[in-house]
C-alpha cells in the first residue's frame, strides 16, 4: 500500500504515518492485497482525502467498511463507482434526499460530486477483503480514522457531522460539540430504515441550514 494522501492533509497526519501501529497496518494491507482480492483498488484507498481537501471540509459522514462486492468500493463511504447498481443503504440515502429536498433520484451512485463540495466521506476502515465484511477491522485503520475525526474537530470550526447508526454515533466522543454541529440518525440500511430509524430525518436539509447559518455554501445533494 502506497500511502498516497492529498497534500492538504499531509502536514496534519504525517506524524500518524510514523507511528508503529501505522507501519504495522501498511504491512498488513500490502500482504492482504498480495494474497487476496481486496477493495477498493490500491490507488483509491485514500480517495476520501483526494476528493475532499482539508481546507474544504464542511460536512463529515462516517461509514464503517468499504463495500466488499466486485467493482463497488471507490474509497468514499456509501459511494459506488459509475454504472454500478446502488446498494440498499445508498438507495435509502437517495430516497431520503428525494423526499427531504425534492431532488430527483440520481442515476450515478458515485458520490465524488459531494466530496468535491466539501463532504468528507470517511469509512472507519479503509480496506476490506472481497466478500468478507469487517475482515480488515481492528488492524489499525480505526486508530487512523479516529485521529482524522479528532483532527477535523480540533483544527476546524463549524463542521456538520452526520452520524448514522450505532457505530457512527460512538464517534461523537471525538468531536467538540461546542464548535461543531452533530446530527444523529438511524443507519440507512434496510434493517434500520424499515423500522423507522432513517426516513424522515431530513439530515440533508438540516445540514444545509447549519452551513448557511455558519455563512458557508450549502451542499448540492
C-alpha atoms as a PDB file:
ATOM      1  CA  UNK A   1       0.000   0.000   0.000  1.00  0.00           C
ATOM      2  CA  UNK A   2       1.404   3.353  -1.040  1.00  0.00           C
ATOM      3  CA  UNK A   3       0.350   5.971   1.491  1.00  0.00           C
ATOM      4  CA  UNK A   4      -0.858   8.439  -1.100  1.00  0.00           C
ATOM      5  CA  UNK A   5      -2.818  11.161   0.672  1.00  0.00           C
ATOM      6  CA  UNK A   6      -3.582  14.608  -0.718  1.00  0.00           C
ATOM      7  CA  UNK A   7      -1.032  17.327   0.014  1.00  0.00           C
ATOM      8  CA  UNK A   8      -3.534  19.395   2.025  1.00  0.00           C
ATOM      9  CA  UNK A   9      -3.751  16.668   4.706  1.00  0.00           C
ATOM     10  CA  UNK A  10      -0.044  15.832   4.939  1.00  0.00           C
ATOM     11  CA  UNK A  11       1.062  18.487   7.472  1.00  0.00           C
ATOM     12  CA  UNK A  12      -1.608  17.258   9.873  1.00  0.00           C
ATOM     13  CA  UNK A  13      -1.201  13.480   9.501  1.00  0.00           C
ATOM     14  CA  UNK A  14       2.484  12.924   8.773  1.00  0.00           C
ATOM     15  CA  UNK A  15       3.109  12.076  12.438  1.00  0.00           C
ATOM     16  CA  UNK A  16       0.487   9.306  12.266  1.00  0.00           C
ATOM     17  CA  UNK A  17       2.346   7.705   9.370  1.00  0.00           C
ATOM     18  CA  UNK A  18       5.460   7.292  11.518  1.00  0.00           C
ATOM     19  CA  UNK A  19       3.712   5.580  14.416  1.00  0.00           C
ATOM     20  CA  UNK A  20       4.273   1.835  14.922  1.00  0.00           C
ATOM     21  CA  UNK A  21       0.575   0.980  14.532  1.00  0.00           C
ATOM     22  CA  UNK A  22       0.502   2.603  11.080  1.00  0.00           C
ATOM     23  CA  UNK A  23       3.657   0.848   9.927  1.00  0.00           C
ATOM     24  CA  UNK A  24       2.087  -2.461  11.009  1.00  0.00           C
ATOM     25  CA  UNK A  25      -1.134  -1.526   9.211  1.00  0.00           C
ATOM     26  CA  UNK A  26       0.729  -0.822   5.962  1.00  0.00           C
ATOM     27  CA  UNK A  27       2.416  -4.235   6.133  1.00  0.00           C
ATOM     28  CA  UNK A  28      -0.906  -5.953   6.824  1.00  0.00           C
ATOM     29  CA  UNK A  29      -2.666  -4.213   3.917  1.00  0.00           C
ATOM     30  CA  UNK A  30       0.199  -4.911   1.497  1.00  0.00           C
ATOM     31  CA  UNK A  31       0.116  -8.584   2.440  1.00  0.00           C
ATOM     32  CA  UNK A  32      -3.685  -8.784   2.094  1.00  0.00           C
ATOM     33  CA  UNK A  33      -3.702  -7.148  -1.338  1.00  0.00           C
ATOM     34  CA  UNK A  34      -0.958  -9.511  -2.483  1.00  0.00           C
ATOM     35  CA  UNK A  35      -2.625 -12.688  -1.205  1.00  0.00           C
ATOM     36  CA  UNK A  36      -6.346 -11.945  -1.660  1.00  0.00           C
ATOM     37  CA  UNK A  37      -8.729  -9.821  -3.682  1.00  0.00           C
ATOM     38  CA  UNK A  38      -9.346  -6.651  -1.677  1.00  0.00           C
ATOM     39  CA  UNK A  39     -11.287  -3.438  -2.158  1.00  0.00           C
ATOM     40  CA  UNK A  40     -11.116  -0.631  -3.040  1.00  0.00           C
ATOM     41  CA  UNK A  41      -8.302  -0.768  -5.631  1.00  0.00           C
ATOM     42  CA  UNK A  42      -4.998   0.233  -4.032  1.00  0.00           C
ATOM     43  CA  UNK A  43      -4.865   3.609  -5.740  1.00  0.00           C
ATOM     44  CA  UNK A  44      -8.308   4.519  -4.360  1.00  0.00           C
ATOM     45  CA  UNK A  45      -7.787   3.662  -0.665  1.00  0.00           C
ATOM     46  CA  UNK A  46      -7.304   7.337   0.266  1.00  0.00           C
ATOM     47  CA  UNK A  47      -9.857   8.754  -2.205  1.00  0.00           C
ATOM     48  CA  UNK A  48     -11.868  10.422   0.560  1.00  0.00           C
ATOM     49  CA  UNK A  49      -8.903  12.747   1.137  1.00  0.00           C
ATOM     50  CA  UNK A  50      -8.126  13.312  -2.549  1.00  0.00           C
ATOM     51  CA  UNK A  51     -11.613  14.455  -3.441  1.00  0.00           C
ATOM     52  CA  UNK A  52     -12.178  16.474  -0.256  1.00  0.00           C
ATOM     53  CA  UNK A  53      -9.177  18.607   0.676  1.00  0.00           C
ATOM     54  CA  UNK A  54      -8.571  19.541   4.289  1.00  0.00           C
ATOM     55  CA  UNK A  55      -9.331  23.242   3.938  1.00  0.00           C
ATOM     56  CA  UNK A  56     -12.641  22.447   2.179  1.00  0.00           C
ATOM     57  CA  UNK A  57     -14.174  20.075   4.771  1.00  0.00           C
ATOM     58  CA  UNK A  58     -17.664  21.307   5.729  1.00  0.00           C
ATOM     59  CA  UNK A  59     -19.547  18.055   6.357  1.00  0.00           C
ATOM     60  CA  UNK A  60     -18.310  14.665   7.610  1.00  0.00           C
ATOM     61  CA  UNK A  61     -20.217  11.418   7.018  1.00  0.00           C
ATOM     62  CA  UNK A  62     -18.825   8.341   8.780  1.00  0.00           C
ATOM     63  CA  UNK A  63     -19.273   4.830   7.418  1.00  0.00           C
ATOM     64  CA  UNK A  64     -17.901   1.554   8.739  1.00  0.00           C
ATOM     65  CA  UNK A  65     -16.434  -0.645   5.978  1.00  0.00           C
ATOM     66  CA  UNK A  66     -15.959  -0.368   2.213  1.00  0.00           C
ATOM     67  CA  UNK A  67     -18.361  -2.394   0.085  1.00  0.00           C
ATOM     68  CA  UNK A  68     -16.904  -5.888  -0.377  1.00  0.00           C
ATOM     69  CA  UNK A  69     -18.515  -6.814  -3.730  1.00  0.00           C
ATOM     70  CA  UNK A  70     -16.615  -6.617  -7.047  1.00  0.00           C
ATOM     71  CA  UNK A  71     -16.341  -3.142  -8.571  1.00  0.00           C
ATOM     72  CA  UNK A  72     -18.338  -1.359  -5.865  1.00  0.00           C
ATOM     73  CA  UNK A  73     -15.980   0.435  -3.457  1.00  0.00           C
ATOM     74  CA  UNK A  74     -14.242   3.616  -4.649  1.00  0.00           C
ATOM     75  CA  UNK A  75     -12.755   4.892  -1.388  1.00  0.00           C
ATOM     76  CA  UNK A  76     -15.724   7.049  -0.355  1.00  0.00           C
ATOM     77  CA  UNK A  77     -18.200   5.761   2.242  1.00  0.00           C
ATOM     78  CA  UNK A  78     -21.622   4.753   0.856  1.00  0.00           C
ATOM     79  CA  UNK A  79     -20.405   5.542  -2.693  1.00  0.00           C
ATOM     80  CA  UNK A  80     -20.040   3.180  -5.664  1.00  0.00           C
ATOM     81  CA  UNK A  81     -18.291   3.500  -9.000  1.00  0.00           C
ATOM     82  CA  UNK A  82     -20.126   4.758 -12.078  1.00  0.00           C
ATOM     83  CA  UNK A  83     -22.527   2.237 -13.607  1.00  0.00           C
ATOM     84  CA  UNK A  84     -22.669   0.012 -10.516  1.00  0.00           C
ATOM     85  CA  UNK A  85     -26.155  -0.795  -9.120  1.00  0.00           C
ATOM     86  CA  UNK A  86     -26.883   1.130  -5.941  1.00  0.00           C
ATOM     87  CA  UNK A  87     -26.571  -0.934  -2.738  1.00  0.00           C
ATOM     88  CA  UNK A  88     -29.568  -0.832  -0.349  1.00  0.00           C
ATOM     89  CA  UNK A  89     -28.135   1.804   2.034  1.00  0.00           C
ATOM     90  CA  UNK A  90     -27.312   4.139  -0.841  1.00  0.00           C
ATOM     91  CA  UNK A  91     -30.814   3.682  -2.290  1.00  0.00           C
ATOM     92  CA  UNK A  92     -32.275   4.739   1.051  1.00  0.00           C
ATOM     93  CA  UNK A  93     -29.954   7.759   1.219  1.00  0.00           C
ATOM     94  CA  UNK A  94     -31.136   8.894  -2.210  1.00  0.00           C
ATOM     95  CA  UNK A  95     -34.800   8.248  -1.292  1.00  0.00           C
ATOM     96  CA  UNK A  96     -34.435  10.440   1.797  1.00  0.00           C
ATOM     97  CA  UNK A  97     -32.828  13.218  -0.283  1.00  0.00           C
ATOM     98  CA  UNK A  98     -35.716  12.887  -2.742  1.00  0.00           C
ATOM     99  CA  UNK A  99     -38.327  13.307  -0.010  1.00  0.00           C
ATOM    100  CA  UNK A 100     -36.354  15.891   2.011  1.00  0.00           C
ATOM    101  CA  UNK A 101     -35.238  18.205  -0.795  1.00  0.00           C
ATOM    102  CA  UNK A 102     -37.277  17.133  -3.823  1.00  0.00           C
ATOM    103  CA  UNK A 103     -34.110  16.251  -5.749  1.00  0.00           C
ATOM    104  CA  UNK A 104     -34.727  13.553  -8.385  1.00  0.00           C
ATOM    105  CA  UNK A 105     -33.264  10.106  -7.688  1.00  0.00           C
ATOM    106  CA  UNK A 106     -29.811  10.139  -9.395  1.00  0.00           C
ATOM    107  CA  UNK A 107     -28.506   7.665 -11.942  1.00  0.00           C
ATOM    108  CA  UNK A 108     -24.971   7.627 -10.557  1.00  0.00           C
ATOM    109  CA  UNK A 109     -24.099   6.283  -7.128  1.00  0.00           C
ATOM    110  CA  UNK A 110     -20.656   7.865  -7.310  1.00  0.00           C
ATOM    111  CA  UNK A 111     -20.547  10.452  -4.513  1.00  0.00           C
ATOM    112  CA  UNK A 112     -17.408  12.230  -5.714  1.00  0.00           C
ATOM    113  CA  UNK A 113     -19.754  15.117  -6.524  1.00  0.00           C
ATOM    114  CA  UNK A 114     -20.402  15.516  -2.779  1.00  0.00           C
ATOM    115  CA  UNK A 115     -16.759  15.135  -1.801  1.00  0.00           C
ATOM    116  CA  UNK A 116     -15.736  17.903  -4.195  1.00  0.00           C
ATOM    117  CA  UNK A 117     -18.154  20.254  -2.398  1.00  0.00           C
ATOM    118  CA  UNK A 118     -16.533  19.605   0.995  1.00  0.00           C
ATOM    119  CA  UNK A 119     -18.171  16.390   2.235  1.00  0.00           C
ATOM    120  CA  UNK A 120     -15.597  14.062   3.806  1.00  0.00           C
ATOM    121  CA  UNK A 121     -16.955  10.549   3.145  1.00  0.00           C
ATOM    122  CA  UNK A 122     -14.905   8.624   5.680  1.00  0.00           C
ATOM    123  CA  UNK A 123     -15.113   4.908   6.351  1.00  0.00           C
ATOM    124  CA  UNK A 124     -13.690   3.875   9.728  1.00  0.00           C
ATOM    125  CA  UNK A 125     -11.891   1.010   7.961  1.00  0.00           C
ATOM    126  CA  UNK A 126     -10.496   1.916   4.548  1.00  0.00           C
ATOM    127  CA  UNK A 127      -9.974  -1.569   3.085  1.00  0.00           C
ATOM    128  CA  UNK A 128     -11.720  -4.954   3.075  1.00  0.00           C
ATOM    129  CA  UNK A 129     -11.211  -8.466   1.691  1.00  0.00           C
ATOM    130  CA  UNK A 130     -13.644  -9.449  -1.087  1.00  0.00           C
ATOM    131  CA  UNK A 131     -16.934 -10.904   0.205  1.00  0.00           C
ATOM    132  CA  UNK A 132     -15.779 -10.691   3.839  1.00  0.00           C
ATOM    133  CA  UNK A 133     -17.355  -7.733   5.618  1.00  0.00           C
ATOM    134  CA  UNK A 134     -15.275  -6.493   8.539  1.00  0.00           C
ATOM    135  CA  UNK A 135     -12.211  -8.515   7.522  1.00  0.00           C
ATOM    136  CA  UNK A 136      -9.833  -5.542   7.926  1.00  0.00           C
ATOM    137  CA  UNK A 137     -11.314  -4.190  11.147  1.00  0.00           C
ATOM    138  CA  UNK A 138      -9.155  -3.868  14.275  1.00  0.00           C
ATOM    139  CA  UNK A 139      -5.916  -3.839  12.271  1.00  0.00           C
ATOM    140  CA  UNK A 140      -5.157  -0.150  12.811  1.00  0.00           C
ATOM    141  CA  UNK A 141      -7.461   1.655  10.421  1.00  0.00           C
ATOM    142  CA  UNK A 142      -9.803   2.766  13.208  1.00  0.00           C
ATOM    143  CA  UNK A 143      -6.889   4.370  15.078  1.00  0.00           C
ATOM    144  CA  UNK A 144      -6.018   6.335  11.954  1.00  0.00           C
ATOM    145  CA  UNK A 145      -9.572   7.408  11.087  1.00  0.00           C
ATOM    146  CA  UNK A 146     -10.299   8.343  14.720  1.00  0.00           C
ATOM    147  CA  UNK A 147      -7.243  10.600  14.512  1.00  0.00           C
ATOM    148  CA  UNK A 148      -8.738  12.170  11.348  1.00  0.00           C
ATOM    149  CA  UNK A 149     -12.059  12.860  13.092  1.00  0.00           C
ATOM    150  CA  UNK A 150     -10.250  14.419  16.077  1.00  0.00           C
ATOM    151  CA  UNK A 151      -8.098  16.470  13.704  1.00  0.00           C
ATOM    152  CA  UNK A 152     -11.121  17.918  11.889  1.00  0.00           C
ATOM    153  CA  UNK A 153     -12.779  18.644  15.243  1.00  0.00           C
ATOM    154  CA  UNK A 154      -9.679  20.339  16.670  1.00  0.00           C
ATOM    155  CA  UNK A 155      -8.375  22.261  13.669  1.00  0.00           C
ATOM    156  CA  UNK A 156     -11.637  23.394  12.081  1.00  0.00           C
ATOM    157  CA  UNK A 157     -14.814  25.156  13.192  1.00  0.00           C
ATOM    158  CA  UNK A 158     -18.484  24.855  12.240  1.00  0.00           C
ATOM    159  CA  UNK A 159     -18.328  21.447  10.562  1.00  0.00           C
ATOM    160  CA  UNK A 160     -21.530  19.378  10.345  1.00  0.00           C
ATOM    161  CA  UNK A 161     -21.040  15.737  11.395  1.00  0.00           C
ATOM    162  CA  UNK A 162     -23.706  13.251  10.241  1.00  0.00           C
ATOM    163  CA  UNK A 163     -23.596  10.179  12.495  1.00  0.00           C
ATOM    164  CA  UNK A 164     -25.809   7.390  11.150  1.00  0.00           C
ATOM    165  CA  UNK A 165     -26.297   4.247  13.205  1.00  0.00           C
ATOM    166  CA  UNK A 166     -24.807   2.954  16.440  1.00  0.00           C
ATOM    167  CA  UNK A 167     -21.275   2.576  15.132  1.00  0.00           C
ATOM    168  CA  UNK A 168     -21.030   6.155  13.850  1.00  0.00           C
ATOM    169  CA  UNK A 169     -22.664   7.548  16.989  1.00  0.00           C
ATOM    170  CA  UNK A 170     -19.754   6.171  19.047  1.00  0.00           C
ATOM    171  CA  UNK A 171     -17.522   8.683  17.243  1.00  0.00           C
ATOM    172  CA  UNK A 172     -19.325  11.619  18.907  1.00  0.00           C
ATOM    173  CA  UNK A 173     -16.834  11.465  21.777  1.00  0.00           C
ATOM    174  CA  UNK A 174     -14.091  12.520  19.343  1.00  0.00           C
ATOM    175  CA  UNK A 175     -15.964  15.684  18.299  1.00  0.00           C
ATOM    176  CA  UNK A 176     -16.180  19.009  20.140  1.00  0.00           C
ATOM    177  CA  UNK A 177     -19.932  19.653  20.097  1.00  0.00           C
ATOM    178  CA  UNK A 178     -19.377  23.268  21.181  1.00  0.00           C
ATOM    179  CA  UNK A 179     -17.533  24.057  17.925  1.00  0.00           C
ATOM    180  CA  UNK A 180     -19.451  21.828  15.547  1.00  0.00           C
ATOM    181  CA  UNK A 181     -22.959  20.574  14.790  1.00  0.00           C
ATOM    182  CA  UNK A 182     -23.648  16.850  15.237  1.00  0.00           C
ATOM    183  CA  UNK A 183     -26.783  15.311  13.684  1.00  0.00           C
ATOM    184  CA  UNK A 184     -27.774  11.789  14.753  1.00  0.00           C
ATOM    185  CA  UNK A 185     -29.953   9.245  12.973  1.00  0.00           C
ATOM    186  CA  UNK A 186     -30.501   5.557  12.480  1.00  0.00           C
ATOM    187  CA  UNK A 187     -28.469   3.884   9.726  1.00  0.00           C
ATOM    188  CA  UNK A 188     -29.803   3.963   6.138  1.00  0.00           C
ATOM    189  CA  UNK A 189     -29.546   0.150   5.863  1.00  0.00           C
ATOM    190  CA  UNK A 190     -32.908  -1.567   5.240  1.00  0.00           C
ATOM    191  CA  UNK A 191     -32.862  -3.174   8.700  1.00  0.00           C
ATOM    192  CA  UNK A 192     -32.788   0.229  10.397  1.00  0.00           C
ATOM    193  CA  UNK A 193     -34.706   2.213   7.763  1.00  0.00           C
ATOM    194  CA  UNK A 194     -37.628  -0.204   7.675  1.00  0.00           C
ATOM    195  CA  UNK A 195     -38.026   0.132  11.437  1.00  0.00           C
ATOM    196  CA  UNK A 196     -38.475   3.874  11.106  1.00  0.00           C
ATOM    197  CA  UNK A 197     -34.994   4.984  12.218  1.00  0.00           C
ATOM    198  CA  UNK A 198     -33.851   6.571   8.935  1.00  0.00           C
ATOM    199  CA  UNK A 199     -36.597   8.008   6.743  1.00  0.00           C
ATOM    200  CA  UNK A 200     -37.742  11.482   7.682  1.00  0.00           C
ATOM    201  CA  UNK A 201     -34.503  12.503   9.446  1.00  0.00           C
ATOM    202  CA  UNK A 202     -34.151  15.429   6.979  1.00  0.00           C
ATOM    203  CA  UNK A 203     -30.395  15.410   7.541  1.00  0.00           C
ATOM    204  CA  UNK A 204     -29.676  16.893   4.132  1.00  0.00           C
ATOM    205  CA  UNK A 205     -31.826  19.995   4.537  1.00  0.00           C
ATOM    206  CA  UNK A 206     -30.729  20.307   8.184  1.00  0.00           C
ATOM    207  CA  UNK A 207     -27.053  20.096   7.201  1.00  0.00           C
ATOM    208  CA  UNK A 208     -27.581  22.843   4.634  1.00  0.00           C
ATOM    209  CA  UNK A 209     -29.418  25.017   7.158  1.00  0.00           C
ATOM    210  CA  UNK A 210     -26.452  24.633   9.526  1.00  0.00           C
ATOM    211  CA  UNK A 211     -23.963  25.510   6.796  1.00  0.00           C
ATOM    212  CA  UNK A 212     -25.956  28.588   5.837  1.00  0.00           C
ATOM    213  CA  UNK A 213     -26.068  29.669   9.493  1.00  0.00           C
ATOM    214  CA  UNK A 214     -22.264  29.260   9.531  1.00  0.00           C
ATOM    215  CA  UNK A 215     -22.074  31.514   6.405  1.00  0.00           C
ATOM    216  CA  UNK A 216     -20.889  28.573   4.320  1.00  0.00           C
ATOM    217  CA  UNK A 217     -22.064  27.400   0.910  1.00  0.00           C
ATOM    218  CA  UNK A 218     -24.711  24.680   1.178  1.00  0.00           C
ATOM    219  CA  UNK A 219     -24.212  21.258  -0.452  1.00  0.00           C
ATOM    220  CA  UNK A 220     -25.958  20.331  -3.701  1.00  0.00           C
ATOM    221  CA  UNK A 221     -27.013  16.852  -2.604  1.00  0.00           C
END
